Amino acid sequence: MKPAPFDYHAPRSLGEALDDLAGAGADGKVLAGGQSLIPMLNMRLAAPAHLVDINRLTELATLDVEPGGVRVGALARHAQVERSERVAAAQPLLRQALRLVAHPVIRNRGTVVGSLVHADPAAELPAVLALLGGSVRLARRGATREVPAAAFFTGPLESATGPGELAVSAFFPLLPARSGTAFREVARRHGDYALAGIAALVRLDDDLRITAARVACVSAGPVPVLVDVTGACGHRPPASADWDSAARAVQERIEPEADIHASADYRRHLIGVLAGQALREAARAALDG
């Protein structure tokens, strides 16, 4: 299979890339890692008139631990983020999720920001950004804007990135002390997209009682589904929390769809099992912290 014809642009500066995207408008696509875009081009599920390759923009290959969180540039590869000890110490959920993304050869090329812009509800990183309340920085010629995760994912494979805009970075906030995270998923084969997945966050107070517990669900809706289960398990020590009730609360909030890989009921069952496991794991991590 071959892609439809397109004009190829290889800018050497961010300004040049934004000019190219402004000229392309709605007919432009950005190439970074290409692990999702290239197959879509080959199957003609995407047929842009202009392809803007940003791989020469080394200024976007940044990975910074800032006072409030982790800032990931548009060309930071999955593997770069996964292997960073500073990032893992600051925001463990990134490594917990990234080790489940596809296979190492994909992670060596794919980008964190590209995965967010692709906005696949079966992918891990949109759930991470949603759970942490992070944001994506979008740039266009003459302007930038910061879009919170709650407004960034607008539908399956749809994000708030508009024509002429480039996602230049993503921000993953740090968590306060006595916070724990975990990521669990089930796939038909290792490296496949998840049939269901859960990113979990639990916070404790000074008396080691739960003050917050929430999850982001993967493959449970058109966008990552956030569920706050503090009411079901909060204000108790983790050992006495009713995690089963919390898992049922998650199941009640989701509306998964059936496909050739799993029925909606099976996905709902998996989400419940994974939610219970991930919340318990996150609570243990909070105690250890």
C-alpha atoms as a PDB file:
ATOM      1  CA  MET A   1       0.000   0.000   0.000  1.00  0.00           C
ATOM      2  CA  LYS A   2       1.144   3.505  -0.767  1.00  0.00           C
ATOM      3  CA  PRO A   3       0.034   6.879   0.549  1.00  0.00           C
ATOM      4  CA  ALA A   4      -1.803   9.406  -1.570  1.00  0.00           C
ATOM      5  CA  PRO A   5       0.446  12.114  -3.082  1.00  0.00           C
ATOM      6  CA  PHE A   6       1.458  14.974  -0.771  1.00  0.00           C
ATOM      7  CA  ASP A   7       3.902  17.862  -0.609  1.00  0.00           C
ATOM      8  CA  TYR A   8       6.763  17.165   1.805  1.00  0.00           C
ATOM      9  CA  HIS A   9       8.133  19.926   4.029  1.00  0.00           C
ATOM     10  CA  ALA A  10      11.334  19.584   6.093  1.00  0.00           C
ATOM     11  CA  PRO A  11      11.618  22.761   8.183  1.00  0.00           C
ATOM     12  CA  ARG A  12      14.832  23.454  10.081  1.00  0.00           C
ATOM     13  CA  SER A  13      13.404  25.826  12.690  1.00  0.00           C
ATOM     14  CA  LEU A  14      10.225  26.087  14.696  1.00  0.00           C
ATOM     15  CA  GLY A  15       9.303  29.317  12.949  1.00  0.00           C
ATOM     16  CA  GLU A  16       9.674  27.672   9.555  1.00  0.00           C
ATOM     17  CA  ALA A  17       7.540  24.728  10.691  1.00  0.00           C
ATOM     18  CA  LEU A  18       4.780  27.056  11.888  1.00  0.00           C
ATOM     19  CA  ASP A  19       4.903  28.914   8.573  1.00  0.00           C
ATOM     20  CA  ASP A  20       4.546  25.613   6.703  1.00  0.00           C
ATOM     21  CA  LEU A  21       1.612  24.576   8.875  1.00  0.00           C
ATOM     22  CA  ALA A  22      -0.058  27.968   8.482  1.00  0.00           C
ATOM     23  CA  GLY A  23       0.197  27.625   4.714  1.00  0.00           C
ATOM     24  CA  ALA A  24      -1.125  24.076   4.766  1.00  0.00           C
ATOM     25  CA  GLY A  25      -4.096  24.837   7.027  1.00  0.00           C
ATOM     26  CA  ALA A  26      -6.501  21.935   7.402  1.00  0.00           C
ATOM     27  CA  ASP A  27      -4.634  20.025   4.674  1.00  0.00           C
ATOM     28  CA  GLY A  28      -1.455  19.644   6.762  1.00  0.00           C
ATOM     29  CA  LYS A  29      -0.204  16.818   8.984  1.00  0.00           C
ATOM     30  CA  VAL A  30       2.817  16.759  11.281  1.00  0.00           C
ATOM     31  CA  LEU A  31       5.330  13.891  11.132  1.00  0.00           C
ATOM     32  CA  ALA A  32       7.285  13.241  14.328  1.00  0.00           C
ATOM     33  CA  GLY A  33       7.638   9.586  15.353  1.00  0.00           C
ATOM     34  CA  GLY A  34       5.292   8.414  12.615  1.00  0.00           C
ATOM     35  CA  GLN A  35       4.369   5.180  14.375  1.00  0.00           C
ATOM     36  CA  SER A  36       0.661   5.903  13.935  1.00  0.00           C
ATOM     37  CA  LEU A  37       0.682   8.354  11.035  1.00  0.00           C
ATOM     38  CA  ILE A  38       2.722   6.303   8.558  1.00  0.00           C
ATOM     39  CA  PRO A  39       0.396   3.256   8.689  1.00  0.00           C
ATOM     40  CA  MET A  40      -2.602   5.579   8.365  1.00  0.00           C
ATOM     41  CA  LEU A  41      -1.027   7.198   5.301  1.00  0.00           C
ATOM     42  CA  ASN A  42      -0.256   3.828   3.751  1.00  0.00           C
ATOM     43  CA  MET A  43      -3.828   2.614   4.293  1.00  0.00           C
ATOM     44  CA  ARG A  44      -5.128   6.000   3.093  1.00  0.00           C
ATOM     45  CA  LEU A  45      -7.002   6.527   6.316  1.00  0.00           C
ATOM     46  CA  ALA A  46      -5.257   9.910   6.246  1.00  0.00           C
ATOM     47  CA  ALA A  47      -4.519  11.773   3.026  1.00  0.00           C
ATOM     48  CA  PRO A  48      -3.026  15.199   3.810  1.00  0.00           C
ATOM     49  CA  ALA A  49      -1.966  17.460   0.982  1.00  0.00           C
ATOM     50  CA  HIS A  50       1.061  18.576   3.021  1.00  0.00           C
ATOM     51  CA  LEU A  51       3.309  16.606   5.374  1.00  0.00           C
ATOM     52  CA  VAL A  52       5.459  18.694   7.725  1.00  0.00           C
ATOM     53  CA  ASP A  53       8.390  16.660   9.079  1.00  0.00           C
ATOM     54  CA  ILE A  54       9.604  18.211  12.362  1.00  0.00           C
ATOM     55  CA  ASN A  55      12.392  15.694  13.050  1.00  0.00           C
ATOM     56  CA  ARG A  56      15.115  18.275  12.321  1.00  0.00           C
ATOM     57  CA  LEU A  57      13.838  20.565  15.076  1.00  0.00           C
ATOM     58  CA  THR A  58      16.225  19.519  17.815  1.00  0.00           C
ATOM     59  CA  GLU A  59      14.920  22.394  19.965  1.00  0.00           C
ATOM     60  CA  LEU A  60      11.797  20.244  20.519  1.00  0.00           C
ATOM     61  CA  ALA A  61      13.719  17.162  21.729  1.00  0.00           C
ATOM     62  CA  THR A  62      13.620  18.379  25.326  1.00  0.00           C
ATOM     63  CA  LEU A  63      12.806  16.640  28.591  1.00  0.00           C
ATOM     64  CA  ASP A  64      12.796  18.840  31.682  1.00  0.00           C
ATOM     65  CA  VAL A  65      11.852  18.295  35.315  1.00  0.00           C
ATOM     66  CA  GLU A  66      10.478  21.683  36.360  1.00  0.00           C
ATOM     67  CA  PRO A  67       9.433  22.777  39.873  1.00  0.00           C
ATOM     68  CA  GLY A  68       5.801  21.857  39.214  1.00  0.00           C
ATOM     69  CA  GLY A  69       6.098  18.918  36.862  1.00  0.00           C
ATOM     70  CA  VAL A  70       7.684  17.229  33.861  1.00  0.00           C
ATOM     71  CA  ARG A  71       7.752  19.091  30.540  1.00  0.00           C
ATOM     72  CA  VAL A  72       8.123  16.770  27.535  1.00  0.00           C
ATOM     73  CA  GLY A  73       9.068  18.293  24.180  1.00  0.00           C
ATOM     74  CA  ALA A  74       7.449  17.263  20.926  1.00  0.00           C
ATOM     75  CA  LEU A  75      10.446  15.189  19.789  1.00  0.00           C
ATOM     76  CA  ALA A  76      11.147  13.418  23.088  1.00  0.00           C
ATOM     77  CA  ARG A  77      10.842   9.709  22.289  1.00  0.00           C
ATOM     78  CA  HIS A  78       8.959   7.243  24.461  1.00  0.00           C
ATOM     79  CA  ALA A  79      12.205   5.461  25.308  1.00  0.00           C
ATOM     80  CA  GLN A  80      13.944   8.690  26.323  1.00  0.00           C
ATOM     81  CA  VAL A  81      11.179   9.488  28.802  1.00  0.00           C
ATOM     82  CA  GLU A  82      10.856   5.902  30.020  1.00  0.00           C
ATOM     83  CA  ARG A  83      14.579   5.575  30.759  1.00  0.00           C
ATOM     84  CA  SER A  84      15.018   8.916  32.514  1.00  0.00           C
ATOM     85  CA  GLU A  85      15.646   8.349  36.216  1.00  0.00           C
ATOM     86  CA  ARG A  86      14.914  12.002  36.994  1.00  0.00           C
ATOM     87  CA  VAL A  87      11.527  11.746  35.318  1.00  0.00           C
ATOM     88  CA  ALA A  88      10.722   8.433  37.030  1.00  0.00           C
ATOM     89  CA  ALA A  89      11.580   9.925  40.419  1.00  0.00           C
ATOM     90  CA  ALA A  90       9.501  13.038  39.780  1.00  0.00           C
ATOM     91  CA  GLN A  91       6.491  11.423  38.098  1.00  0.00           C
ATOM     92  CA  PRO A  92       6.537   7.598  38.338  1.00  0.00           C
ATOM     93  CA  LEU A  93       3.287   7.176  36.391  1.00  0.00           C
ATOM     94  CA  LEU A  94       5.054   8.068  33.146  1.00  0.00           C
ATOM     95  CA  ARG A  95       7.424   5.104  33.369  1.00  0.00           C
ATOM     96  CA  GLN A  96       4.656   2.840  34.680  1.00  0.00           C
ATOM     97  CA  ALA A  97       2.599   3.589  31.569  1.00  0.00           C
ATOM     98  CA  LEU A  98       5.378   3.811  28.991  1.00  0.00           C
ATOM     99  CA  ARG A  99       6.726   0.324  29.720  1.00  0.00           C
ATOM    100  CA  LEU A 100       3.370  -0.965  28.419  1.00  0.00           C
ATOM    101  CA  VAL A 101       3.422   1.014  25.158  1.00  0.00           C
ATOM    102  CA  ALA A 102       3.859  -1.337  22.184  1.00  0.00           C
ATOM    103  CA  HIS A 103       7.417  -2.768  21.858  1.00  0.00           C
ATOM    104  CA  PRO A 104      10.887  -1.274  22.423  1.00  0.00           C
ATOM    105  CA  VAL A 105      11.460  -0.672  18.713  1.00  0.00           C
ATOM    106  CA  ILE A 106       8.275   1.425  18.620  1.00  0.00           C
ATOM    107  CA  ARG A 107       9.189   3.282  21.801  1.00  0.00           C
ATOM    108  CA  ASN A 108      12.593   4.128  20.334  1.00  0.00           C
ATOM    109  CA  ARG A 109      10.887   6.154  17.608  1.00  0.00           C
ATOM    110  CA  GLY A 110       7.434   7.138  18.835  1.00  0.00           C
ATOM    111  CA  THR A 111       6.961  10.400  20.712  1.00  0.00           C
ATOM    112  CA  VAL A 112       4.987  11.157  23.865  1.00  0.00           C
ATOM    113  CA  VAL A 113       3.432  14.315  22.444  1.00  0.00           C
ATOM    114  CA  GLY A 114       2.593  12.573  19.175  1.00  0.00           C
ATOM    115  CA  SER A 115       0.710   9.898  21.095  1.00  0.00           C
ATOM    116  CA  LEU A 116      -1.297  12.574  22.895  1.00  0.00           C
ATOM    117  CA  VAL A 117      -2.191  14.364  19.660  1.00  0.00           C
ATOM    118  CA  HIS A 118      -3.179  11.056  18.048  1.00  0.00           C
ATOM    119  CA  ALA A 119      -5.714  10.811  20.913  1.00  0.00           C
ATOM    120  CA  ASP A 120      -6.416   7.096  20.685  1.00  0.00           C
ATOM    121  CA  PRO A 121      -8.692   6.143  23.616  1.00  0.00           C
ATOM    122  CA  ALA A 122      -6.946   2.738  23.697  1.00  0.00           C
ATOM    123  CA  ALA A 123      -3.539   4.353  24.282  1.00  0.00           C
ATOM    124  CA  GLU A 124      -1.844   4.745  27.647  1.00  0.00           C
ATOM    125  CA  LEU A 125      -0.532   8.318  27.582  1.00  0.00           C
ATOM    126  CA  PRO A 126      -3.854  10.148  27.109  1.00  0.00           C
ATOM    127  CA  ALA A 127      -5.067   8.437  30.298  1.00  0.00           C
ATOM    128  CA  VAL A 128      -1.915   9.530  32.140  1.00  0.00           C
ATOM    129  CA  LEU A 129      -2.314  13.162  31.087  1.00  0.00           C
ATOM    130  CA  ALA A 130      -6.011  13.117  32.005  1.00  0.00           C
ATOM    131  CA  LEU A 131      -5.449  11.547  35.427  1.00  0.00           C
ATOM    132  CA  LEU A 132      -2.697  13.993  36.371  1.00  0.00           C
ATOM    133  CA  GLY A 133      -4.577  17.030  35.067  1.00  0.00           C
ATOM    134  CA  GLY A 134      -1.773  17.895  32.687  1.00  0.00           C
ATOM    135  CA  SER A 135      -1.808  20.054  29.587  1.00  0.00           C
ATOM    136  CA  VAL A 136      -0.534  20.344  26.022  1.00  0.00           C
ATOM    137  CA  ARG A 137       1.104  23.497  24.663  1.00  0.00           C
ATOM    138  CA  LEU A 138       0.020  24.370  21.131  1.00  0.00           C
ATOM    139  CA  ALA A 139       1.831  26.880  18.936  1.00  0.00           C
ATOM    140  CA  ARG A 140       0.809  28.614  15.763  1.00  0.00           C
ATOM    141  CA  ARG A 141       2.405  31.460  13.893  1.00  0.00           C
ATOM    142  CA  GLY A 142       2.467  34.373  16.349  1.00  0.00           C
ATOM    143  CA  ALA A 143       0.739  32.684  19.302  1.00  0.00           C
ATOM    144  CA  THR A 144       0.795  29.817  21.800  1.00  0.00           C
ATOM    145  CA  ARG A 145      -1.854  28.386  24.093  1.00  0.00           C
ATOM    146  CA  GLU A 146      -1.915  25.821  26.891  1.00  0.00           C
ATOM    147  CA  VAL A 147      -4.820  23.369  26.645  1.00  0.00           C
ATOM    148  CA  PRO A 148      -5.742  21.348  29.756  1.00  0.00           C
ATOM    149  CA  ALA A 149      -6.224  17.623  29.355  1.00  0.00           C
ATOM    150  CA  ALA A 150      -9.947  17.935  30.116  1.00  0.00           C
ATOM    151  CA  ALA A 151     -10.376  20.028  26.963  1.00  0.00           C
ATOM    152  CA  PHE A 152      -7.661  18.485  24.807  1.00  0.00           C
ATOM    153  CA  PHE A 153      -9.209  15.090  24.002  1.00  0.00           C
ATOM    154  CA  THR A 154     -12.386  15.758  22.022  1.00  0.00           C
ATOM    155  CA  GLY A 155     -13.192  12.315  20.579  1.00  0.00           C
ATOM    156  CA  PRO A 156     -11.665   9.126  19.171  1.00  0.00           C
ATOM    157  CA  LEU A 157      -8.486  10.173  17.323  1.00  0.00           C
ATOM    158  CA  GLU A 158      -9.519  13.820  17.766  1.00  0.00           C
ATOM    159  CA  SER A 159      -7.800  16.501  19.805  1.00  0.00           C
ATOM    160  CA  ALA A 160      -8.033  20.247  20.288  1.00  0.00           C
ATOM    161  CA  THR A 161      -5.066  20.788  17.951  1.00  0.00           C
ATOM    162  CA  GLY A 162      -6.397  23.043  15.224  1.00  0.00           C
ATOM    163  CA  PRO A 163      -5.321  23.707  11.622  1.00  0.00           C
ATOM    164  CA  GLY A 164      -1.958  25.442  11.531  1.00  0.00           C
ATOM    165  CA  GLU A 165      -1.100  24.420  15.112  1.00  0.00           C
ATOM    166  CA  LEU A 166       1.804  22.327  16.354  1.00  0.00           C
ATOM    167  CA  ALA A 167       1.844  20.588  19.736  1.00  0.00           C
ATOM    168  CA  VAL A 168       5.262  21.649  21.002  1.00  0.00           C
ATOM    169  CA  SER A 169       5.211  20.088  24.481  1.00  0.00           C
ATOM    170  CA  ALA A 170       3.151  18.364  27.159  1.00  0.00           C
ATOM    171  CA  PHE A 171       3.203  19.030  30.887  1.00  0.00           C
ATOM    172  CA  PHE A 172       2.688  16.300  33.507  1.00  0.00           C
ATOM    173  CA  PRO A 173       2.233  17.806  37.002  1.00  0.00           C
ATOM    174  CA  LEU A 174       4.066  16.468  40.031  1.00  0.00           C
ATOM    175  CA  LEU A 175       2.090  14.990  42.909  1.00  0.00           C
ATOM    176  CA  PRO A 176       2.232  15.986  46.581  1.00  0.00           C
ATOM    177  CA  ALA A 177       3.893  13.830  49.212  1.00  0.00           C
ATOM    178  CA  ARG A 178       2.165  10.573  50.192  1.00  0.00           C
ATOM    179  CA  SER A 179       0.792  10.087  46.692  1.00  0.00           C
ATOM    180  CA  GLY A 180       0.969   6.808  44.805  1.00  0.00           C
ATOM    181  CA  THR A 181       0.230   5.798  41.238  1.00  0.00           C
ATOM    182  CA  ALA A 182      -0.137   2.591  39.257  1.00  0.00           C
ATOM    183  CA  PHE A 183      -0.967   1.489  35.732  1.00  0.00           C
ATOM    184  CA  ARG A 184      -2.592  -1.836  34.856  1.00  0.00           C
ATOM    185  CA  GLU A 185      -3.869  -3.133  31.525  1.00  0.00           C
ATOM    186  CA  VAL A 186      -4.872  -6.305  29.703  1.00  0.00           C
ATOM    187  CA  ALA A 187      -3.976  -6.918  26.045  1.00  0.00           C
ATOM    188  CA  ARG A 188      -4.436  -9.962  23.819  1.00  0.00           C
ATOM    189  CA  ARG A 189      -0.660 -10.045  23.284  1.00  0.00           C
ATOM    190  CA  HIS A 190       2.141  -8.082  24.861  1.00  0.00           C
ATOM    191  CA  GLY A 191       2.545  -4.861  22.915  1.00  0.00           C
ATOM    192  CA  ASP A 192      -0.993  -4.821  21.505  1.00  0.00           C
ATOM    193  CA  TYR A 193      -3.401  -2.029  22.282  1.00  0.00           C
ATOM    194  CA  ALA A 194      -5.117  -2.678  25.589  1.00  0.00           C
ATOM    195  CA  LEU A 195      -8.524  -4.315  25.714  1.00  0.00           C
ATOM    196  CA  ALA A 196      -8.872  -2.347  28.942  1.00  0.00           C
ATOM    197  CA  GLY A 197      -6.565  -0.358  31.170  1.00  0.00           C
ATOM    198  CA  ILE A 198      -6.482   1.726  34.335  1.00  0.00           C
ATOM    199  CA  ALA A 199      -4.235   4.532  35.536  1.00  0.00           C
ATOM    200  CA  ALA A 200      -4.780   5.031  39.282  1.00  0.00           C
ATOM    201  CA  LEU A 201      -3.871   7.719  41.801  1.00  0.00           C
ATOM    202  CA  VAL A 202      -4.237   7.575  45.584  1.00  0.00           C
ATOM    203  CA  ARG A 203      -3.291  10.328  48.074  1.00  0.00           C
ATOM    204  CA  LEU A 204      -2.977  10.014  51.864  1.00  0.00           C
ATOM    205  CA  ASP A 205      -3.009  12.581  54.641  1.00  0.00           C
ATOM    206  CA  ASP A 206      -0.587  12.838  57.558  1.00  0.00           C
ATOM    207  CA  ASP A 207      -2.555  10.154  59.410  1.00  0.00           C
ATOM    208  CA  LEU A 208      -2.166   7.835  56.404  1.00  0.00           C
ATOM    209  CA  ARG A 209      -5.842   7.971  55.549  1.00  0.00           C
ATOM    210  CA  ILE A 210      -7.066   8.220  51.974  1.00  0.00           C
ATOM    211  CA  THR A 211      -7.895  11.794  50.956  1.00  0.00           C
ATOM    212  CA  ALA A 212      -8.210  11.222  47.208  1.00  0.00           C
ATOM    213  CA  ALA A 213      -8.584   8.222  44.915  1.00  0.00           C
ATOM    214  CA  ARG A 214      -9.308   8.397  41.223  1.00  0.00           C
ATOM    215  CA  VAL A 215      -8.691   6.504  38.016  1.00  0.00           C
ATOM    216  CA  ALA A 216      -8.495   7.126  34.284  1.00  0.00           C
ATOM    217  CA  CYS A 217      -9.892   4.318  32.145  1.00  0.00           C
ATOM    218  CA  VAL A 218      -8.404   3.140  28.842  1.00  0.00           C
ATOM    219  CA  SER A 219     -10.629   1.648  26.103  1.00  0.00           C
ATOM    220  CA  ALA A 220     -13.726   2.540  28.104  1.00  0.00           C
ATOM    221  CA  GLY A 221     -15.112   5.389  25.998  1.00  0.00           C
ATOM    222  CA  PRO A 222     -14.329   7.814  23.172  1.00  0.00           C
ATOM    223  CA  VAL A 223     -11.812   9.660  25.364  1.00  0.00           C
ATOM    224  CA  PRO A 224     -10.052   8.751  28.636  1.00  0.00           C
ATOM    225  CA  VAL A 225     -12.755   8.328  31.278  1.00  0.00           C
ATOM    226  CA  LEU A 226     -11.956   9.897  34.661  1.00  0.00           C
ATOM    227  CA  VAL A 227     -13.690   8.488  37.747  1.00  0.00           C
ATOM    228  CA  ASP A 228     -13.293   9.853  41.282  1.00  0.00           C
ATOM    229  CA  VAL A 229     -13.830   7.039  43.794  1.00  0.00           C
ATOM    230  CA  THR A 230     -12.814   8.921  46.933  1.00  0.00           C
ATOM    231  CA  GLY A 231     -16.331   8.604  48.275  1.00  0.00           C
ATOM    232  CA  ALA A 232     -16.222   4.830  48.028  1.00  0.00           C
ATOM    233  CA  CYS A 233     -12.911   4.371  49.840  1.00  0.00           C
ATOM    234  CA  GLY A 234     -11.855   7.719  51.274  1.00  0.00           C
ATOM    235  CA  HIS A 235     -10.959   8.803  54.799  1.00  0.00           C
ATOM    236  CA  ARG A 236      -9.824   5.327  55.812  1.00  0.00           C
ATOM    237  CA  PRO A 237      -6.421   3.662  55.978  1.00  0.00           C
ATOM    238  CA  PRO A 238      -5.739   1.746  52.754  1.00  0.00           C
ATOM    239  CA  ALA A 239      -5.875  -1.604  54.599  1.00  0.00           C
ATOM    240  CA  SER A 240      -9.525  -1.056  55.538  1.00  0.00           C
ATOM    241  CA  ALA A 241     -10.698   0.742  52.373  1.00  0.00           C
ATOM    242  CA  ASP A 242     -13.509  -0.861  50.380  1.00  0.00           C
ATOM    243  CA  TRP A 243     -11.642  -1.248  47.115  1.00  0.00           C
ATOM    244  CA  ASP A 244     -14.320  -3.574  45.727  1.00  0.00           C
ATOM    245  CA  SER A 245     -16.926  -0.836  46.074  1.00  0.00           C
ATOM    246  CA  ALA A 246     -14.535   1.565  44.382  1.00  0.00           C
ATOM    247  CA  ALA A 247     -14.090  -0.868  41.488  1.00  0.00           C
ATOM    248  CA  ARG A 248     -17.870  -1.215  41.112  1.00  0.00           C
ATOM    249  CA  ALA A 249     -18.199   2.569  41.096  1.00  0.00           C
ATOM    250  CA  VAL A 250     -15.783   2.686  38.166  1.00  0.00           C
ATOM    251  CA  GLN A 251     -17.740   0.027  36.279  1.00  0.00           C
ATOM    252  CA  GLU A 252     -20.952   2.011  36.731  1.00  0.00           C
ATOM    253  CA  ARG A 253     -19.435   5.129  35.181  1.00  0.00           C
ATOM    254  CA  ILE A 254     -18.111   3.672  31.938  1.00  0.00           C
ATOM    255  CA  GLU A 255     -19.785   2.872  28.626  1.00  0.00           C
ATOM    256  CA  PRO A 256     -17.358   0.623  26.753  1.00  0.00           C
ATOM    257  CA  GLU A 257     -18.076  -0.480  23.205  1.00  0.00           C
ATOM    258  CA  ALA A 258     -17.854  -3.945  21.702  1.00  0.00           C
ATOM    259  CA  ASP A 259     -15.536  -4.783  18.810  1.00  0.00           C
ATOM    260  CA  ILE A 260     -13.979  -7.884  17.245  1.00  0.00           C
ATOM    261  CA  HIS A 261     -11.626  -8.238  20.226  1.00  0.00           C
ATOM    262  CA  ALA A 262     -13.979  -7.958  23.212  1.00  0.00           C
ATOM    263  CA  SER A 263     -17.614  -7.481  24.119  1.00  0.00           C
ATOM    264  CA  ALA A 264     -18.743  -4.421  26.072  1.00  0.00           C
ATOM    265  CA  ASP A 265     -19.573  -6.611  29.085  1.00  0.00           C
ATOM    266  CA  TYR A 266     -16.126  -8.200  29.053  1.00  0.00           C
ATOM    267  CA  ARG A 267     -14.467  -4.795  28.890  1.00  0.00           C
ATOM    268  CA  ARG A 268     -16.587  -3.600  31.796  1.00  0.00           C
ATOM    269  CA  HIS A 269     -15.542  -6.680  33.789  1.00  0.00           C
ATOM    270  CA  LEU A 270     -11.862  -6.082  32.982  1.00  0.00           C
ATOM    271  CA  ILE A 271     -12.087  -2.423  33.980  1.00  0.00           C
ATOM    272  CA  GLY A 272     -13.485  -3.414  37.367  1.00  0.00           C
ATOM    273  CA  VAL A 273     -10.779  -5.998  38.029  1.00  0.00           C
ATOM    274  CA  LEU A 274      -7.994  -3.679  36.896  1.00  0.00           C
ATOM    275  CA  ALA A 275      -9.385  -0.739  38.874  1.00  0.00           C
ATOM    276  CA  GLY A 276      -9.300  -2.743  42.094  1.00  0.00           C
ATOM    277  CA  GLN A 277      -5.755  -3.932  41.399  1.00  0.00           C
ATOM    278  CA  ALA A 278      -4.407  -0.529  40.369  1.00  0.00           C
ATOM    279  CA  LEU A 279      -5.997   1.333  43.282  1.00  0.00           C
ATOM    280  CA  ARG A 280      -4.529  -1.117  45.792  1.00  0.00           C
ATOM    281  CA  GLU A 281      -1.107  -0.827  44.148  1.00  0.00           C
ATOM    282  CA  ALA A 282      -1.291   2.962  44.126  1.00  0.00           C
ATOM    283  CA  ALA A 283      -2.253   2.966  47.816  1.00  0.00           C
ATOM    284  CA  ARG A 284       0.773   0.773  48.656  1.00  0.00           C
ATOM    285  CA  ALA A 285       2.990   3.179  46.742  1.00  0.00           C
ATOM    286  CA  ALA A 286       1.533   6.105  48.686  1.00  0.00           C
ATOM    287  CA  LEU A 287       2.304   4.342  51.976  1.00  0.00           C
ATOM    288  CA  ASP A 288       5.864   3.677  50.836  1.00  0.00           C
ATOM    289  CA  GLY A 289       6.272   7.307  49.834  1.00  0.00           C
END
